[in-house]
Amino acid sequence: MNDYEKFVLTEKEQTIFNKFKKNNTAELSGPEYNLMIWKRLVDDAQIPNSIDKLFTVRLSRVGQELRTYQKMHKKKIMSDNIRYGVTTVIAVVALVLSLLSLHK
Protein backbone atom coordinates (compact mmCIF):
# COMPACT_ATOMS: atom_id res chain seq x y z
CA MET A 1 0.00 0.00 0.00
CA ASN A 2 1.34 3.40 -0.98
CA ASP A 3 1.20 6.46 1.22
CA TYR A 4 -1.11 8.57 -0.95
CA GLU A 5 -0.97 11.54 1.40
CA LYS A 6 2.62 12.07 0.23
CA PHE A 7 1.88 11.27 -3.43
CA VAL A 8 2.47 14.54 -5.31
CA LEU A 9 1.24 15.31 -8.80
CA THR A 10 2.19 18.45 -10.66
CA GLU A 11 -0.62 20.61 -12.01
CA LYS A 12 -0.06 19.15 -15.47
CA GLU A 13 -0.06 15.57 -14.14
CA GLN A 14 -3.25 16.22 -12.15
CA THR A 15 -4.95 17.64 -15.26
CA ILE A 16 -4.08 14.48 -17.18
CA PHE A 17 -5.11 12.30 -14.22
CA ASN A 18 -8.51 14.04 -14.14
CA LYS A 19 -9.20 12.84 -17.71
CA PHE A 20 -9.89 9.32 -16.44
CA LYS A 21 -13.56 8.39 -16.42
CA LYS A 22 -15.50 6.16 -14.03
CA ASN A 23 -14.49 3.10 -16.04
CA ASN A 24 -10.82 3.99 -15.31
CA THR A 25 -9.93 4.71 -18.94
CA ALA A 26 -8.87 7.85 -20.77
CA GLU A 27 -7.67 8.96 -24.17
CA LEU A 28 -4.06 10.12 -23.78
CA SER A 29 -1.32 11.19 -26.16
CA GLY A 30 2.08 9.51 -26.06
CA PRO A 31 3.68 12.26 -23.91
CA GLU A 32 0.72 12.26 -21.51
CA TYR A 33 0.96 8.49 -21.23
CA ASN A 34 4.69 8.78 -20.49
CA LEU A 35 4.00 11.17 -17.60
CA MET A 36 1.40 8.79 -16.13
CA ILE A 37 3.49 5.62 -16.57
CA TRP A 38 6.43 7.29 -14.84
CA LYS A 39 4.25 7.74 -11.73
CA ARG A 40 2.88 4.17 -12.12
CA LEU A 41 -0.66 5.53 -12.53
CA VAL A 42 -1.50 3.64 -15.73
CA ASP A 43 -1.03 0.06 -16.81
CA ASP A 44 2.01 -0.63 -18.92
CA ALA A 45 1.17 -0.76 -22.63
CA GLN A 46 3.09 -0.62 -25.85
CA ILE A 47 2.26 2.91 -26.98
CA PRO A 48 4.32 4.65 -29.64
CA ASN A 49 5.68 8.07 -28.68
CA SER A 50 3.23 9.95 -30.89
CA ILE A 51 2.26 13.53 -30.07
CA ASP A 52 -0.87 13.88 -32.19
CA LYS A 53 -2.48 10.43 -31.87
CA LEU A 54 -4.62 9.49 -28.85
CA PHE A 55 -4.55 6.10 -27.16
CA THR A 56 -6.99 4.53 -24.74
CA VAL A 57 -5.19 3.65 -21.52
CA ARG A 58 -6.35 2.20 -18.23
CA LEU A 59 -5.55 3.28 -14.67
CA SER A 60 -3.31 0.90 -12.77
CA ARG A 61 -4.15 -0.32 -9.27
CA VAL A 62 -2.02 2.52 -7.90
CA GLY A 63 -3.92 5.04 -10.05
CA GLN A 64 -7.28 3.68 -8.90
CA GLU A 65 -6.24 3.82 -5.25
CA LEU A 66 -4.92 7.37 -5.66
CA ARG A 67 -8.20 8.45 -7.25
CA THR A 68 -10.15 6.88 -4.36
CA TYR A 69 -7.88 8.65 -1.86
CA GLN A 70 -8.31 12.00 -3.65
CA LYS A 71 -12.10 11.66 -3.62
CA MET A 72 -12.15 10.80 0.09
CA HIS A 73 -9.75 13.65 0.87
CA LYS A 74 -11.89 16.13 -1.11
CA LYS A 75 -15.02 15.03 0.80
CA LYS A 76 -13.20 15.46 4.11
CA ILE A 77 -12.04 18.97 3.18
CA MET A 78 -15.58 19.92 2.10
CA SER A 79 -16.95 18.56 5.38
CA ASP A 80 -14.35 20.50 7.38
CA ASN A 81 -15.14 23.70 5.45
CA ILE A 82 -18.87 23.33 6.11
CA ARG A 83 -18.21 22.70 9.80
CA TYR A 84 -15.99 25.79 9.95
CA GLY A 85 -18.61 27.90 8.20
CA VAL A 86 -21.39 26.82 10.58
CA THR A 87 -19.35 27.50 13.70
CA THR A 88 -18.25 30.89 12.35
CA VAL A 89 -21.87 31.89 11.65
CA ILE A 90 -22.90 30.80 15.14
CA ALA A 91 -20.07 32.84 16.68
CA VAL A 92 -20.95 35.96 14.67
CA VAL A 93 -24.66 35.66 15.58
CA ALA A 94 -23.75 35.26 19.25
CA LEU A 95 -21.51 38.35 19.06
CA VAL A 96 -24.23 40.42 17.40
CA LEU A 97 -26.82 39.30 19.96
CA SER A 98 -24.51 40.11 22.85
CA LEU A 99 -23.78 43.56 21.40
CA LEU A 100 -27.49 44.20 20.93
CA SER A 101 -28.28 43.17 24.50
CA LEU A 102 -25.58 45.52 25.84
CA HIS A 103 -26.93 48.41 23.78
CA LYS A 104 -30.49 48.17 25.20
C-alpha atoms as a PDB file:
ATOM      1  CA  MET A   1       0.000   0.000   0.000  1.00  0.00           C
ATOM      2  CA  ASN A   2       1.342   3.397  -0.984  1.00  0.00           C
ATOM      3  CA  ASP A   3       1.200   6.458   1.223  1.00  0.00           C
ATOM      4  CA  TYR A   4      -1.109   8.571  -0.954  1.00  0.00           C
ATOM      5  CA  GLU A   5      -0.966  11.535   1.404  1.00  0.00           C
ATOM      6  CA  LYS A   6       2.623  12.075   0.234  1.00  0.00           C
ATOM      7  CA  PHE A   7       1.880  11.271  -3.426  1.00  0.00           C
ATOM      8  CA  VAL A   8       2.470  14.538  -5.310  1.00  0.00           C
ATOM      9  CA  LEU A   9       1.238  15.310  -8.799  1.00  0.00           C
ATOM     10  CA  THR A  10       2.192  18.453 -10.657  1.00  0.00           C
ATOM     11  CA  GLU A  11      -0.623  20.606 -12.005  1.00  0.00           C
ATOM     12  CA  LYS A  12      -0.063  19.146 -15.472  1.00  0.00           C
ATOM     13  CA  GLU A  13      -0.063  15.565 -14.144  1.00  0.00           C
ATOM     14  CA  GLN A  14      -3.250  16.221 -12.149  1.00  0.00           C
ATOM     15  CA  THR A  15      -4.952  17.642 -15.258  1.00  0.00           C
ATOM     16  CA  ILE A  16      -4.079  14.482 -17.177  1.00  0.00           C
ATOM     17  CA  PHE A  17      -5.109  12.297 -14.216  1.00  0.00           C
ATOM     18  CA  ASN A  18      -8.511  14.037 -14.138  1.00  0.00           C
ATOM     19  CA  LYS A  19      -9.201  12.837 -17.705  1.00  0.00           C
ATOM     20  CA  PHE A  20      -9.895   9.316 -16.437  1.00  0.00           C
ATOM     21  CA  LYS A  21     -13.561   8.391 -16.422  1.00  0.00           C
ATOM     22  CA  LYS A  22     -15.500   6.161 -14.028  1.00  0.00           C
ATOM     23  CA  ASN A  23     -14.491   3.102 -16.044  1.00  0.00           C
ATOM     24  CA  ASN A  24     -10.822   3.994 -15.306  1.00  0.00           C
ATOM     25  CA  THR A  25      -9.925   4.705 -18.938  1.00  0.00           C
ATOM     26  CA  ALA A  26      -8.873   7.852 -20.770  1.00  0.00           C
ATOM     27  CA  GLU A  27      -7.666   8.964 -24.169  1.00  0.00           C
ATOM     28  CA  LEU A  28      -4.059  10.119 -23.780  1.00  0.00           C
ATOM     29  CA  SER A  29      -1.323  11.189 -26.159  1.00  0.00           C
ATOM     30  CA  GLY A  30       2.075   9.506 -26.055  1.00  0.00           C
ATOM     31  CA  PRO A  31       3.683  12.260 -23.913  1.00  0.00           C
ATOM     32  CA  GLU A  32       0.716  12.262 -21.509  1.00  0.00           C
ATOM     33  CA  TYR A  33       0.965   8.487 -21.228  1.00  0.00           C
ATOM     34  CA  ASN A  34       4.694   8.776 -20.488  1.00  0.00           C
ATOM     35  CA  LEU A  35       4.000  11.169 -17.601  1.00  0.00           C
ATOM     36  CA  MET A  36       1.404   8.793 -16.126  1.00  0.00           C
ATOM     37  CA  ILE A  37       3.487   5.619 -16.570  1.00  0.00           C
ATOM     38  CA  TRP A  38       6.427   7.295 -14.842  1.00  0.00           C
ATOM     39  CA  LYS A  39       4.248   7.739 -11.733  1.00  0.00           C
ATOM     40  CA  ARG A  40       2.885   4.168 -12.121  1.00  0.00           C
ATOM     41  CA  LEU A  41      -0.661   5.530 -12.532  1.00  0.00           C
ATOM     42  CA  VAL A  42      -1.497   3.638 -15.733  1.00  0.00           C
ATOM     43  CA  ASP A  43      -1.035   0.063 -16.813  1.00  0.00           C
ATOM     44  CA  ASP A  44       2.008  -0.627 -18.924  1.00  0.00           C
ATOM     45  CA  ALA A  45       1.174  -0.759 -22.625  1.00  0.00           C
ATOM     46  CA  GLN A  46       3.093  -0.617 -25.852  1.00  0.00           C
ATOM     47  CA  ILE A  47       2.256   2.914 -26.977  1.00  0.00           C
ATOM     48  CA  PRO A  48       4.318   4.651 -29.635  1.00  0.00           C
ATOM     49  CA  ASN A  49       5.683   8.070 -28.684  1.00  0.00           C
ATOM     50  CA  SER A  50       3.229   9.950 -30.892  1.00  0.00           C
ATOM     51  CA  ILE A  51       2.264  13.527 -30.068  1.00  0.00           C
ATOM     52  CA  ASP A  52      -0.867  13.875 -32.191  1.00  0.00           C
ATOM     53  CA  LYS A  53      -2.481  10.431 -31.865  1.00  0.00           C
ATOM     54  CA  LEU A  54      -4.616   9.489 -28.847  1.00  0.00           C
ATOM     55  CA  PHE A  55      -4.545   6.098 -27.157  1.00  0.00           C
ATOM     56  CA  THR A  56      -6.994   4.533 -24.735  1.00  0.00           C
ATOM     57  CA  VAL A  57      -5.187   3.655 -21.522  1.00  0.00           C
ATOM     58  CA  ARG A  58      -6.346   2.204 -18.227  1.00  0.00           C
ATOM     59  CA  LEU A  59      -5.548   3.277 -14.668  1.00  0.00           C
ATOM     60  CA  SER A  60      -3.308   0.899 -12.774  1.00  0.00           C
ATOM     61  CA  ARG A  61      -4.155  -0.320  -9.269  1.00  0.00           C
ATOM     62  CA  VAL A  62      -2.021   2.522  -7.901  1.00  0.00           C
ATOM     63  CA  GLY A  63      -3.921   5.041 -10.048  1.00  0.00           C
ATOM     64  CA  GLN A  64      -7.279   3.677  -8.904  1.00  0.00           C
ATOM     65  CA  GLU A  65      -6.244   3.816  -5.252  1.00  0.00           C
ATOM     66  CA  LEU A  66      -4.921   7.371  -5.663  1.00  0.00           C
ATOM     67  CA  ARG A  67      -8.203   8.446  -7.249  1.00  0.00           C
ATOM     68  CA  THR A  68     -10.150   6.879  -4.359  1.00  0.00           C
ATOM     69  CA  TYR A  69      -7.879   8.655  -1.860  1.00  0.00           C
ATOM     70  CA  GLN A  70      -8.305  12.004  -3.651  1.00  0.00           C
ATOM     71  CA  LYS A  71     -12.102  11.659  -3.620  1.00  0.00           C
ATOM     72  CA  MET A  72     -12.154  10.803   0.093  1.00  0.00           C
ATOM     73  CA  HIS A  73      -9.751  13.653   0.865  1.00  0.00           C
ATOM     74  CA  LYS A  74     -11.890  16.128  -1.108  1.00  0.00           C
ATOM     75  CA  LYS A  75     -15.018  15.029   0.800  1.00  0.00           C
ATOM     76  CA  LYS A  76     -13.197  15.461   4.111  1.00  0.00           C
ATOM     77  CA  ILE A  77     -12.044  18.971   3.182  1.00  0.00           C
ATOM     78  CA  MET A  78     -15.584  19.916   2.097  1.00  0.00           C
ATOM     79  CA  SER A  79     -16.946  18.563   5.376  1.00  0.00           C
ATOM     80  CA  ASP A  80     -14.353  20.497   7.377  1.00  0.00           C
ATOM     81  CA  ASN A  81     -15.142  23.701   5.454  1.00  0.00           C
ATOM     82  CA  ILE A  82     -18.874  23.328   6.111  1.00  0.00           C
ATOM     83  CA  ARG A  83     -18.214  22.700   9.798  1.00  0.00           C
ATOM     84  CA  TYR A  84     -15.989  25.785   9.951  1.00  0.00           C
ATOM     85  CA  GLY A  85     -18.611  27.904   8.197  1.00  0.00           C
ATOM     86  CA  VAL A  86     -21.391  26.819  10.575  1.00  0.00           C
ATOM     87  CA  THR A  87     -19.346  27.501  13.703  1.00  0.00           C
ATOM     88  CA  THR A  88     -18.254  30.892  12.351  1.00  0.00           C
ATOM     89  CA  VAL A  89     -21.867  31.889  11.649  1.00  0.00           C
ATOM     90  CA  ILE A  90     -22.902  30.799  15.144  1.00  0.00           C
ATOM     91  CA  ALA A  91     -20.073  32.842  16.678  1.00  0.00           C
ATOM     92  CA  VAL A  92     -20.955  35.956  14.666  1.00  0.00           C
ATOM     93  CA  VAL A  93     -24.658  35.658  15.577  1.00  0.00           C
ATOM     94  CA  ALA A  94     -23.747  35.265  19.247  1.00  0.00           C
ATOM     95  CA  LEU A  95     -21.512  38.351  19.059  1.00  0.00           C
ATOM     96  CA  VAL A  96     -24.230  40.422  17.397  1.00  0.00           C
ATOM     97  CA  LEU A  97     -26.821  39.298  19.955  1.00  0.00           C
ATOM     98  CA  SER A  98     -24.515  40.109  22.850  1.00  0.00           C
ATOM     99  CA  LEU A  99     -23.775  43.557  21.403  1.00  0.00           C
ATOM    100  CA  LEU A 100     -27.492  44.204  20.934  1.00  0.00           C
ATOM    101  CA  SER A 101     -28.279  43.171  24.501  1.00  0.00           C
ATOM    102  CA  LEU A 102     -25.581  45.525  25.837  1.00  0.00           C
ATOM    103  CA  HIS A 103     -26.933  48.412  23.780  1.00  0.00           C
ATOM    104  CA  LYS A 104     -30.493  48.175  25.195  1.00  0.00           C
END
